[in-house]
Amino acid sequence: MDVFTELALERIKQAIADREFDGLPGKGQPLPPDALSAVSPELRLTYKVLKNARLVPPEVQILRDMDELRRRYDAAGDEEERRLLRRRLRFAETHYRILREKNKKGR
């Protein structure tokens, strides 16, 4: 065990002895379900790393982009801007369908 681990454990033991953890919210209650609890144990670490790196699958990013385009389209007042946003949204929707179909085929 390295020196930092030993120091951390010693401080935790001291805090327990000093009852510093008593009265914390949720004491004695089960932990809330993890967002990844539905993911198979073999994939959890991979998903966690991707999530912490703020990386998402391309399909998820396209869905986010589509939501943003729809929001901007609804707020746009200029007809030319709306036409451009509508075209970009159709492109994103097509791209999304292609990616989904590609994933279904297992490529």
N, C-alpha and C. Protein backbone atom coordinates (compact mmCIF):
# COMPACT_ATOMS: atom_id res chain seq x y z
N MET A 1 0.85 -1.17 0.00
CA MET A 1 0.00 0.00 0.00
C MET A 1 0.90 1.24 0.00
N ASP A 2 0.59 2.22 -0.86
CA ASP A 2 1.45 3.39 -0.90
C ASP A 2 1.13 4.36 0.23
N VAL A 3 1.98 5.33 0.40
CA VAL A 3 1.88 6.26 1.53
C VAL A 3 0.59 7.08 1.48
N PHE A 4 0.14 7.46 0.27
CA PHE A 4 -1.08 8.27 0.15
C PHE A 4 -2.32 7.46 0.54
N THR A 5 -2.35 6.19 0.15
CA THR A 5 -3.47 5.33 0.51
C THR A 5 -3.51 5.16 2.03
N GLU A 6 -2.36 4.91 2.62
CA GLU A 6 -2.30 4.75 4.08
C GLU A 6 -2.74 6.02 4.79
N LEU A 7 -2.31 7.17 4.29
CA LEU A 7 -2.69 8.45 4.89
C LEU A 7 -4.21 8.66 4.77
N ALA A 8 -4.76 8.37 3.60
CA ALA A 8 -6.20 8.53 3.40
C ALA A 8 -6.98 7.60 4.33
N LEU A 9 -6.56 6.35 4.43
CA LEU A 9 -7.24 5.41 5.31
C LEU A 9 -7.17 5.86 6.76
N GLU A 10 -6.03 6.36 7.17
CA GLU A 10 -5.86 6.85 8.54
C GLU A 10 -6.80 8.02 8.83
N ARG A 11 -6.92 8.93 7.88
CA ARG A 11 -7.82 10.08 8.06
C ARG A 11 -9.28 9.64 8.11
N ILE A 12 -9.63 8.67 7.28
CA ILE A 12 -11.01 8.16 7.29
C ILE A 12 -11.29 7.50 8.64
N LYS A 13 -10.37 6.68 9.14
CA LYS A 13 -10.56 6.02 10.44
C LYS A 13 -10.72 7.06 11.54
N GLN A 14 -9.92 8.12 11.48
CA GLN A 14 -10.00 9.16 12.50
C GLN A 14 -11.35 9.89 12.42
N ALA A 15 -11.81 10.17 11.21
CA ALA A 15 -13.10 10.84 11.03
C ALA A 15 -14.24 9.96 11.56
N ILE A 16 -14.14 8.66 11.34
CA ILE A 16 -15.15 7.74 11.88
C ILE A 16 -15.11 7.76 13.40
N ALA A 17 -13.91 7.72 13.95
CA ALA A 17 -13.77 7.74 15.42
C ALA A 17 -14.31 9.04 15.99
N ASP A 18 -14.12 10.15 15.28
CA ASP A 18 -14.61 11.46 15.73
C ASP A 18 -16.08 11.67 15.38
N ARG A 19 -16.72 10.66 14.79
CA ARG A 19 -18.14 10.68 14.42
C ARG A 19 -18.48 11.80 13.43
N GLU A 20 -17.53 12.14 12.57
CA GLU A 20 -17.76 13.21 11.59
C GLU A 20 -18.73 12.79 10.48
N PHE A 21 -18.92 11.50 10.31
CA PHE A 21 -19.82 11.02 9.27
C PHE A 21 -21.23 10.78 9.78
N ASP A 22 -21.45 10.92 11.07
CA ASP A 22 -22.79 10.74 11.63
C ASP A 22 -23.69 11.88 11.16
N GLY A 23 -24.93 11.56 10.88
CA GLY A 23 -25.91 12.58 10.50
C GLY A 23 -25.85 12.99 9.04
N LEU A 24 -25.06 12.31 8.23
CA LEU A 24 -25.03 12.64 6.81
C LEU A 24 -26.35 12.20 6.17
N PRO A 25 -26.83 12.95 5.16
CA PRO A 25 -28.07 12.56 4.49
C PRO A 25 -27.94 11.17 3.87
N GLY A 26 -28.95 10.36 4.03
CA GLY A 26 -28.97 9.04 3.43
C GLY A 26 -28.25 7.97 4.24
N LYS A 27 -27.79 8.32 5.43
CA LYS A 27 -27.07 7.34 6.24
C LYS A 27 -27.96 6.13 6.50
N GLY A 28 -27.43 4.95 6.25
CA GLY A 28 -28.16 3.72 6.47
C GLY A 28 -29.09 3.33 5.33
N GLN A 29 -29.16 4.17 4.30
CA GLN A 29 -30.02 3.91 3.15
C GLN A 29 -29.20 3.28 2.03
N PRO A 30 -29.85 2.50 1.17
CA PRO A 30 -29.10 1.96 0.03
C PRO A 30 -28.68 3.08 -0.92
N LEU A 31 -27.60 2.86 -1.63
CA LEU A 31 -27.15 3.85 -2.60
C LEU A 31 -28.17 3.95 -3.73
N PRO A 32 -28.33 5.15 -4.30
CA PRO A 32 -29.25 5.27 -5.43
C PRO A 32 -28.71 4.47 -6.62
N PRO A 33 -29.60 4.03 -7.50
CA PRO A 33 -29.13 3.24 -8.64
C PRO A 33 -28.18 4.06 -9.51
N ASP A 34 -27.16 3.42 -9.98
CA ASP A 34 -26.18 4.04 -10.86
C ASP A 34 -26.81 4.19 -12.24
N ALA A 35 -26.44 5.24 -12.94
CA ALA A 35 -26.96 5.45 -14.29
C ALA A 35 -26.57 4.31 -15.21
N LEU A 36 -25.51 3.61 -14.87
CA LEU A 36 -25.04 2.51 -15.71
C LEU A 36 -25.48 1.15 -15.19
N SER A 37 -26.39 1.11 -14.25
CA SER A 37 -26.79 -0.18 -13.67
C SER A 37 -27.44 -1.10 -14.69
N ALA A 38 -28.01 -0.55 -15.75
CA ALA A 38 -28.64 -1.39 -16.77
C ALA A 38 -27.64 -1.93 -17.78
N VAL A 39 -26.41 -1.40 -17.73
CA VAL A 39 -25.37 -1.82 -18.67
C VAL A 39 -24.71 -3.09 -18.13
N SER A 40 -24.37 -4.00 -19.02
CA SER A 40 -23.74 -5.24 -18.58
C SER A 40 -22.43 -4.94 -17.86
N PRO A 41 -22.08 -5.74 -16.85
CA PRO A 41 -20.86 -5.50 -16.08
C PRO A 41 -19.61 -5.43 -16.95
N GLU A 42 -19.58 -6.17 -18.07
CA GLU A 42 -18.41 -6.16 -18.93
C GLU A 42 -18.21 -4.81 -19.62
N LEU A 43 -19.29 -4.06 -19.81
CA LEU A 43 -19.20 -2.79 -20.53
C LEU A 43 -19.19 -1.57 -19.63
N ARG A 44 -19.48 -1.74 -18.34
CA ARG A 44 -19.61 -0.58 -17.46
C ARG A 44 -18.36 0.29 -17.41
N LEU A 45 -17.20 -0.33 -17.29
CA LEU A 45 -15.98 0.46 -17.21
C LEU A 45 -15.76 1.25 -18.49
N THR A 46 -15.98 0.62 -19.62
CA THR A 46 -15.83 1.30 -20.91
C THR A 46 -16.78 2.48 -21.00
N TYR A 47 -18.04 2.27 -20.65
CA TYR A 47 -19.02 3.36 -20.69
C TYR A 47 -18.64 4.48 -19.73
N LYS A 48 -18.15 4.11 -18.56
CA LYS A 48 -17.76 5.10 -17.57
C LYS A 48 -16.62 5.97 -18.09
N VAL A 49 -15.63 5.33 -18.71
CA VAL A 49 -14.49 6.07 -19.28
C VAL A 49 -14.97 7.02 -20.37
N LEU A 50 -15.82 6.53 -21.26
CA LEU A 50 -16.35 7.39 -22.32
C LEU A 50 -17.16 8.55 -21.75
N LYS A 51 -17.97 8.26 -20.76
CA LYS A 51 -18.79 9.31 -20.15
C LYS A 51 -17.92 10.36 -19.48
N ASN A 52 -16.90 9.92 -18.73
CA ASN A 52 -16.01 10.86 -18.06
C ASN A 52 -15.21 11.70 -19.04
N ALA A 53 -14.93 11.13 -20.21
CA ALA A 53 -14.21 11.87 -21.24
C ALA A 53 -15.15 12.74 -22.07
N ARG A 54 -16.44 12.68 -21.72
CA ARG A 54 -17.49 13.42 -22.42
C ARG A 54 -17.55 13.05 -23.90
N LEU A 55 -17.33 11.77 -24.16
CA LEU A 55 -17.45 11.25 -25.51
C LEU A 55 -18.77 10.50 -25.62
N VAL A 56 -19.42 10.67 -26.74
CA VAL A 56 -20.69 9.98 -26.96
C VAL A 56 -20.65 9.33 -28.33
N PRO A 57 -21.45 8.29 -28.52
CA PRO A 57 -21.53 7.67 -29.84
C PRO A 57 -22.03 8.70 -30.87
N PRO A 58 -21.65 8.53 -32.13
CA PRO A 58 -22.07 9.49 -33.16
C PRO A 58 -23.58 9.67 -33.22
N GLU A 59 -24.33 8.58 -33.00
CA GLU A 59 -25.79 8.68 -33.06
C GLU A 59 -26.33 9.63 -31.99
N VAL A 60 -25.75 9.57 -30.82
CA VAL A 60 -26.20 10.43 -29.73
C VAL A 60 -25.88 11.89 -30.05
N GLN A 61 -24.69 12.14 -30.59
CA GLN A 61 -24.32 13.51 -30.95
C GLN A 61 -25.24 14.06 -32.03
N ILE A 62 -25.58 13.22 -33.01
CA ILE A 62 -26.49 13.67 -34.07
C ILE A 62 -27.86 14.00 -33.49
N LEU A 63 -28.35 13.18 -32.56
CA LEU A 63 -29.64 13.47 -31.92
C LEU A 63 -29.58 14.80 -31.18
N ARG A 64 -28.48 15.06 -30.50
CA ARG A 64 -28.31 16.35 -29.81
C ARG A 64 -28.30 17.50 -30.81
N ASP A 65 -27.57 17.30 -31.92
CA ASP A 65 -27.53 18.33 -32.96
C ASP A 65 -28.91 18.58 -33.54
N MET A 66 -29.67 17.51 -33.75
CA MET A 66 -31.02 17.65 -34.30
C MET A 66 -31.91 18.44 -33.35
N ASP A 67 -31.80 18.18 -32.05
CA ASP A 67 -32.58 18.94 -31.07
C ASP A 67 -32.22 20.42 -31.12
N GLU A 68 -30.93 20.70 -31.23
CA GLU A 68 -30.48 22.09 -31.30
C GLU A 68 -30.98 22.76 -32.59
N LEU A 69 -30.91 22.04 -33.69
CA LEU A 69 -31.41 22.60 -34.96
C LEU A 69 -32.91 22.88 -34.88
N ARG A 70 -33.66 21.98 -34.27
CA ARG A 70 -35.11 22.21 -34.12
C ARG A 70 -35.39 23.43 -33.25
N ARG A 71 -34.63 23.56 -32.19
CA ARG A 71 -34.79 24.72 -31.30
C ARG A 71 -34.50 26.02 -32.05
N ARG A 72 -33.40 26.01 -32.80
CA ARG A 72 -33.03 27.20 -33.58
C ARG A 72 -34.04 27.48 -34.67
N TYR A 73 -34.57 26.43 -35.29
CA TYR A 73 -35.59 26.59 -36.34
C TYR A 73 -36.84 27.26 -35.76
N ASP A 74 -37.28 26.77 -34.61
CA ASP A 74 -38.47 27.33 -33.97
C ASP A 74 -38.28 28.80 -33.59
N ALA A 75 -37.05 29.17 -33.25
CA ALA A 75 -36.78 30.54 -32.81
C ALA A 75 -36.45 31.48 -33.97
N ALA A 76 -36.15 30.92 -35.14
CA ALA A 76 -35.73 31.75 -36.28
C ALA A 76 -36.89 32.57 -36.81
N GLY A 77 -36.61 33.82 -37.12
CA GLY A 77 -37.64 34.68 -37.68
C GLY A 77 -37.47 34.87 -39.18
N ASP A 78 -36.26 34.82 -39.63
CA ASP A 78 -35.93 35.04 -41.04
C ASP A 78 -36.20 33.76 -41.84
N GLU A 79 -36.91 33.90 -42.96
CA GLU A 79 -37.28 32.73 -43.76
C GLU A 79 -36.06 32.05 -44.37
N GLU A 80 -35.06 32.82 -44.77
CA GLU A 80 -33.85 32.23 -45.33
C GLU A 80 -33.12 31.39 -44.28
N GLU A 81 -33.06 31.89 -43.07
CA GLU A 81 -32.42 31.14 -41.99
C GLU A 81 -33.20 29.85 -41.70
N ARG A 82 -34.53 29.94 -41.71
CA ARG A 82 -35.36 28.76 -41.47
C ARG A 82 -35.14 27.72 -42.58
N ARG A 83 -35.01 28.17 -43.83
CA ARG A 83 -34.78 27.27 -44.94
C ARG A 83 -33.44 26.54 -44.77
N LEU A 84 -32.41 27.29 -44.39
CA LEU A 84 -31.09 26.70 -44.17
C LEU A 84 -31.13 25.69 -43.02
N LEU A 85 -31.78 26.03 -41.92
CA LEU A 85 -31.89 25.13 -40.76
C LEU A 85 -32.69 23.88 -41.10
N ARG A 86 -33.75 24.04 -41.89
CA ARG A 86 -34.57 22.89 -42.30
C ARG A 86 -33.72 21.93 -43.14
N ARG A 87 -32.90 22.49 -44.03
CA ARG A 87 -32.02 21.66 -44.86
C ARG A 87 -30.98 20.93 -44.01
N ARG A 88 -30.39 21.62 -43.06
CA ARG A 88 -29.41 20.99 -42.17
C ARG A 88 -30.06 19.91 -41.31
N LEU A 89 -31.29 20.15 -40.89
CA LEU A 89 -32.02 19.17 -40.09
C LEU A 89 -32.31 17.91 -40.92
N ARG A 90 -32.73 18.08 -42.17
CA ARG A 90 -32.98 16.93 -43.03
C ARG A 90 -31.69 16.13 -43.26
N PHE A 91 -30.58 16.82 -43.44
CA PHE A 91 -29.30 16.15 -43.61
C PHE A 91 -28.95 15.35 -42.35
N ALA A 92 -29.12 15.96 -41.18
CA ALA A 92 -28.82 15.27 -39.91
C ALA A 92 -29.72 14.06 -39.73
N GLU A 93 -30.99 14.19 -40.06
CA GLU A 93 -31.92 13.06 -39.94
C GLU A 93 -31.50 11.91 -40.86
N THR A 94 -31.10 12.24 -42.07
CA THR A 94 -30.64 11.20 -43.01
C THR A 94 -29.37 10.54 -42.49
N HIS A 95 -28.45 11.34 -42.01
CA HIS A 95 -27.21 10.81 -41.45
C HIS A 95 -27.51 9.87 -40.27
N TYR A 96 -28.44 10.27 -39.42
CA TYR A 96 -28.83 9.45 -38.27
C TYR A 96 -29.40 8.11 -38.73
N ARG A 97 -30.31 8.14 -39.71
CA ARG A 97 -30.91 6.90 -40.21
C ARG A 97 -29.84 5.97 -40.81
N ILE A 98 -28.89 6.54 -41.53
CA ILE A 98 -27.82 5.72 -42.12
C ILE A 98 -26.99 5.06 -41.03
N LEU A 99 -26.62 5.82 -40.00
CA LEU A 99 -25.85 5.24 -38.90
C LEU A 99 -26.62 4.15 -38.17
N ARG A 100 -27.90 4.37 -37.95
CA ARG A 100 -28.72 3.36 -37.27
C ARG A 100 -28.81 2.09 -38.11
N GLU A 101 -29.00 2.25 -39.40
CA GLU A 101 -29.09 1.09 -40.29
C GLU A 101 -27.75 0.35 -40.33
N LYS A 102 -26.68 1.08 -40.36
CA LYS A 102 -25.34 0.48 -40.36
C LYS A 102 -25.12 -0.33 -39.08
N ASN A 103 -25.56 0.20 -37.95
CA ASN A 103 -25.40 -0.52 -36.67
C ASN A 103 -26.28 -1.75 -36.61
N LYS A 104 -27.45 -1.70 -37.22
CA LYS A 104 -28.34 -2.87 -37.24
C LYS A 104 -27.69 -4.02 -38.00
N LYS A 105 -26.96 -3.68 -39.05
CA LYS A 105 -26.32 -4.70 -39.88
C LYS A 105 -25.04 -5.21 -39.23
N GLY A 106 -24.60 -4.56 -38.18
CA GLY A 106 -23.43 -5.02 -37.45
C GLY A 106 -22.11 -4.74 -38.13
N ARG A 107 -22.05 -3.72 -38.92
CA ARG A 107 -20.80 -3.38 -39.60
C ARG A 107 -19.88 -2.63 -38.70
